[in-house]
C-alpha atoms as a PDB file:
ATOM      1  CA  ASN A   1      11.059  13.439 -10.526  1.00  0.00           C
ATOM      2  CA  GLN A   2      14.040  12.940  -7.904  1.00  0.00           C
ATOM      3  CA  ASP A   3      12.749  15.881  -5.424  1.00  0.00           C
ATOM      4  CA  ALA A   4       9.574  14.835  -5.025  1.00  0.00           C
ATOM      5  CA  ALA A   5      10.426  11.569  -4.187  1.00  0.00           C
ATOM      6  CA  GLU A   6      12.552  12.206  -1.930  1.00  0.00           C
ATOM      7  CA  SER A   7       9.997  14.730  -0.612  1.00  0.00           C
ATOM      8  CA  ALA A   8       7.464  11.956  -0.252  1.00  0.00           C
ATOM      9  CA  LEU A   9      10.866   9.508   1.735  1.00  0.00           C
ATOM     10  CA  GLU A  10      10.891  12.616   5.161  1.00  0.00           C
ATOM     11  CA  PRO A  11       8.130  11.365   7.176  1.00  0.00           C
ATOM     12  CA  ALA A  12       9.302   7.585   6.919  1.00  0.00           C
ATOM     13  CA  LYS A  13      13.435   8.949   7.278  1.00  0.00           C
ATOM     14  CA  ALA A  14      12.388  11.297  10.049  1.00  0.00           C
ATOM     15  CA  LYS A  15      11.698   7.772  12.426  1.00  0.00           C
ATOM     16  CA  GLY A  16      14.300   6.597  11.137  1.00  0.00           C
ATOM     17  CA  LEU A  17      12.979   3.629   8.874  1.00  0.00           C
ATOM     18  CA  PRO A  18      16.265   2.789   5.667  1.00  0.00           C
ATOM     19  CA  THR A  19      14.477   4.903   2.574  1.00  0.00           C
ATOM     20  CA  ALA A  20      15.606   4.656  -1.081  1.00  0.00           C
ATOM     21  CA  SER A  21      14.516   6.469  -4.107  1.00  0.00           C
ATOM     22  CA  ALA A  22      15.272   6.614  -8.299  1.00  0.00           C
ATOM     23  CA  THR A  23      13.253   7.609 -11.105  1.00  0.00           C
ATOM     24  CA  CYS A  24      12.968   6.364 -14.384  1.00  0.00           C
ATOM     25  CA  ASP A  25       9.999   6.567 -17.003  1.00  0.00           C
ATOM     26  CA  ILE A  26       7.937   2.856 -16.510  1.00  0.00           C
ATOM     27  CA  GLN A  27       6.996   2.177 -19.468  1.00  0.00           C
ATOM     28  CA  VAL A  28      10.810   0.927 -20.587  1.00  0.00           C
ATOM     29  CA  GLY A  29      12.230  -2.287 -19.203  1.00  0.00           C
ATOM     30  CA  PRO A  30      15.651  -1.111 -19.115  1.00  0.00           C
ATOM     31  CA  GLN A  31      14.938   2.014 -16.736  1.00  0.00           C
ATOM     32  CA  CYS A  32      13.080   0.022 -14.533  1.00  0.00           C
ATOM     33  CA  HIS A  33      16.408  -2.792 -14.515  1.00  0.00           C
ATOM     34  CA  ALA A  34      18.233   0.709 -13.656  1.00  0.00           C
ATOM     35  CA  ALA A  35      16.185   1.646 -10.418  1.00  0.00           C
ATOM     36  CA  PHE A  36      15.426  -1.324  -9.206  1.00  0.00           C
ATOM     37  CA  GLU A  37      19.461  -2.023  -8.936  1.00  0.00           C
ATOM     38  CA  ALA A  38      20.296   1.481  -7.589  1.00  0.00           C
ATOM     39  CA  ILE A  39      17.458   1.172  -4.422  1.00  0.00           C
ATOM     40  CA  VAL A  40      19.091  -2.193  -4.194  1.00  0.00           C
ATOM     41  CA  SER A  41      22.524  -1.532  -4.090  1.00  0.00           C
ATOM     42  CA  LYS A  42      21.978   1.112  -1.218  1.00  0.00           C
ATOM     43  CA  LEU A  43      18.840  -0.616   0.729  1.00  0.00           C
ATOM     44  CA  GLY A  44      19.993  -4.494   0.433  1.00  0.00           C
ATOM     45  CA  ARG A  45      16.197  -5.699  -0.798  1.00  0.00           C
ATOM     46  CA  VAL A  46      13.234  -4.986  -2.239  1.00  0.00           C
ATOM     47  CA  ASP A  47      10.894  -5.989   0.867  1.00  0.00           C
ATOM     48  CA  THR A  48       7.290  -4.097  -0.765  1.00  0.00           C
ATOM     49  CA  LEU A  49       6.150  -2.581  -3.665  1.00  0.00           C
ATOM     50  CA  ILE A  50       3.764  -0.382  -3.572  1.00  0.00           C
ATOM     51  CA  ASN A  51       2.991   0.023  -7.445  1.00  0.00           C
ATOM     52  CA  CYS A  52       1.346   3.566  -7.415  1.00  0.00           C
ATOM     53  CA  ALA A  53       1.294   5.334 -11.361  1.00  0.00           C
ATOM     54  CA  ALA A  54      -1.715   6.249 -13.170  1.00  0.00           C
ATOM     55  CA  ILE A  55      -2.647   8.395 -16.187  1.00  0.00           C
ATOM     56  CA  TYR A  56      -5.585   9.365 -18.221  1.00  0.00           C
ATOM     57  CA  PRO A  57      -6.880  12.204 -20.090  1.00  0.00           C
ATOM     58  CA  ARG A  58      -9.584  13.764 -18.381  1.00  0.00           C
ATOM     59  CA  ARG A  59     -11.656  14.646 -22.432  1.00  0.00           C
ATOM     60  CA  PRO A  60     -14.691  12.549 -23.433  1.00  0.00           C
ATOM     61  CA  LEU A  61     -13.971   9.412 -25.501  1.00  0.00           C
ATOM     62  CA  LEU A  62     -14.123  10.490 -28.515  1.00  0.00           C
ATOM     63  CA  GLU A  63     -11.580  13.913 -28.322  1.00  0.00           C
ATOM     64  CA  ILE A  64      -9.149  11.594 -26.814  1.00  0.00           C
ATOM     65  CA  THR A  65      -5.866  10.530 -29.756  1.00  0.00           C
ATOM     66  CA  ASP A  66      -4.335   7.422 -30.583  1.00  0.00           C
ATOM     67  CA  ALA A  67      -0.910   9.057 -28.464  1.00  0.00           C
ATOM     68  CA  GLU A  68      -2.736   9.651 -25.315  1.00  0.00           C
ATOM     69  CA  TRP A  69      -4.612   6.391 -25.253  1.00  0.00           C
ATOM     70  CA  ASP A  70      -1.121   4.886 -25.894  1.00  0.00           C
ATOM     71  CA  ALA A  71       0.604   6.656 -23.297  1.00  0.00           C
ATOM     72  CA  SER A  72      -2.409   5.790 -20.787  1.00  0.00           C
ATOM     73  CA  ASN A  73      -1.483   2.101 -21.396  1.00  0.00           C
ATOM     74  CA  GLY A  74       1.827   2.573 -21.417  1.00  0.00           C
ATOM     75  CA  ILE A  75       2.336   3.859 -17.993  1.00  0.00           C
ATOM     76  CA  ASN A  76      -1.247   2.082 -16.576  1.00  0.00           C
ATOM     77  CA  ILE A  77      -0.642  -1.401 -17.827  1.00  0.00           C
ATOM     78  CA  LYS A  78       2.863  -1.349 -19.163  1.00  0.00           C
ATOM     79  CA  GLY A  79       3.977   0.269 -16.538  1.00  0.00           C
ATOM     80  CA  THR A  80       2.632  -1.581 -13.927  1.00  0.00           C
ATOM     81  CA  TYR A  81       4.237  -4.841 -15.646  1.00  0.00           C
ATOM     82  CA  HIS A  82       7.732  -3.696 -15.505  1.00  0.00           C
ATOM     83  CA  MET A  83       7.543  -2.452 -11.782  1.00  0.00           C
ATOM     84  CA  MET A  84       6.060  -5.977 -10.446  1.00  0.00           C
ATOM     85  CA  ALA A  85       8.441  -8.348 -12.503  1.00  0.00           C
ATOM     86  CA  GLU A  86      11.372  -5.775 -11.121  1.00  0.00           C
ATOM     87  CA  ALA A  87      10.322  -6.332  -7.987  1.00  0.00           C
ATOM     88  CA  VAL A  88      10.014 -10.030  -8.125  1.00  0.00           C
ATOM     89  CA  ARG A  89      12.557 -11.195  -9.907  1.00  0.00           C
ATOM     90  CA  HIS A  90      14.234  -9.460  -6.649  1.00  0.00           C
ATOM     91  CA  MET A  91      12.490 -10.603  -4.090  1.00  0.00           C
ATOM     92  CA  GLN A  92      12.738 -14.674  -5.295  1.00  0.00           C
ATOM     93  CA  SER A  93      16.192 -14.422  -5.125  1.00  0.00           C
ATOM     94  CA  GLN A  94      16.511 -12.938  -1.410  1.00  0.00           C
ATOM     95  CA  GLU A  95      15.912 -14.435   1.771  1.00  0.00           C
ATOM     96  CA  PRO A  96      12.181 -14.536   3.506  1.00  0.00           C
ATOM     97  CA  LYS A  97      12.134 -12.233   6.055  1.00  0.00           C
ATOM     98  CA  ALA A  98       9.522 -13.427   8.350  1.00  0.00           C
ATOM     99  CA  GLN A  99       8.239 -16.474   5.989  1.00  0.00           C
ATOM    100  CA  VAL A 100       7.941 -13.410   3.095  1.00  0.00           C
ATOM    101  CA  ARG A 101      10.146 -12.662   0.383  1.00  0.00           C
ATOM    102  CA  GLY A 102       8.406  -9.565  -0.247  1.00  0.00           C
ATOM    103  CA  ARG A 103       4.752  -7.690  -0.872  1.00  0.00           C
ATOM    104  CA  ILE A 104       3.590  -6.112  -3.952  1.00  0.00           C
ATOM    105  CA  VAL A 105       0.834  -3.108  -3.650  1.00  0.00           C
ATOM    106  CA  ASN A 106      -0.732  -2.357  -6.995  1.00  0.00           C
ATOM    107  CA  LEU A 107      -2.784   0.736  -7.057  1.00  0.00           C
ATOM    108  CA  THR A 108      -3.930   1.310 -11.132  1.00  0.00           C
ATOM    109  CA  SER A 109      -6.920   2.059 -13.186  1.00  0.00           C
ATOM    110  CA  VAL A 110      -7.817   2.629 -16.698  1.00  0.00           C
ATOM    111  CA  ASP A 111     -11.073   4.669 -15.426  1.00  0.00           C
ATOM    112  CA  ALA A 112     -14.565   3.659 -17.093  1.00  0.00           C
ATOM    113  CA  PHE A 113     -16.438   5.072 -20.098  1.00  0.00           C
END
């Protein structure tokens, strides 16, 4: 949700830091690509990706449907992959800043049963 994304950036904006946001379905590679293109067009580069999107149906194992399981894996695994791949694509092509092309922090889980 774009409004929530903009709201999350308010503390950084208040400190005068450059910010940008974009929304996408991280399960869909082309949408991730478009989101990164929008960010790079505004900021010029990608220095940090904090990959923090996860879902899990909170029910007993035998009550989880295939569709719910697929959605969970789509966000938690496939989505993490798509976002990392797009970040790395940009980071590899940009000049290093303080000897670093970029950083990625992944926070994801598929929970334990």
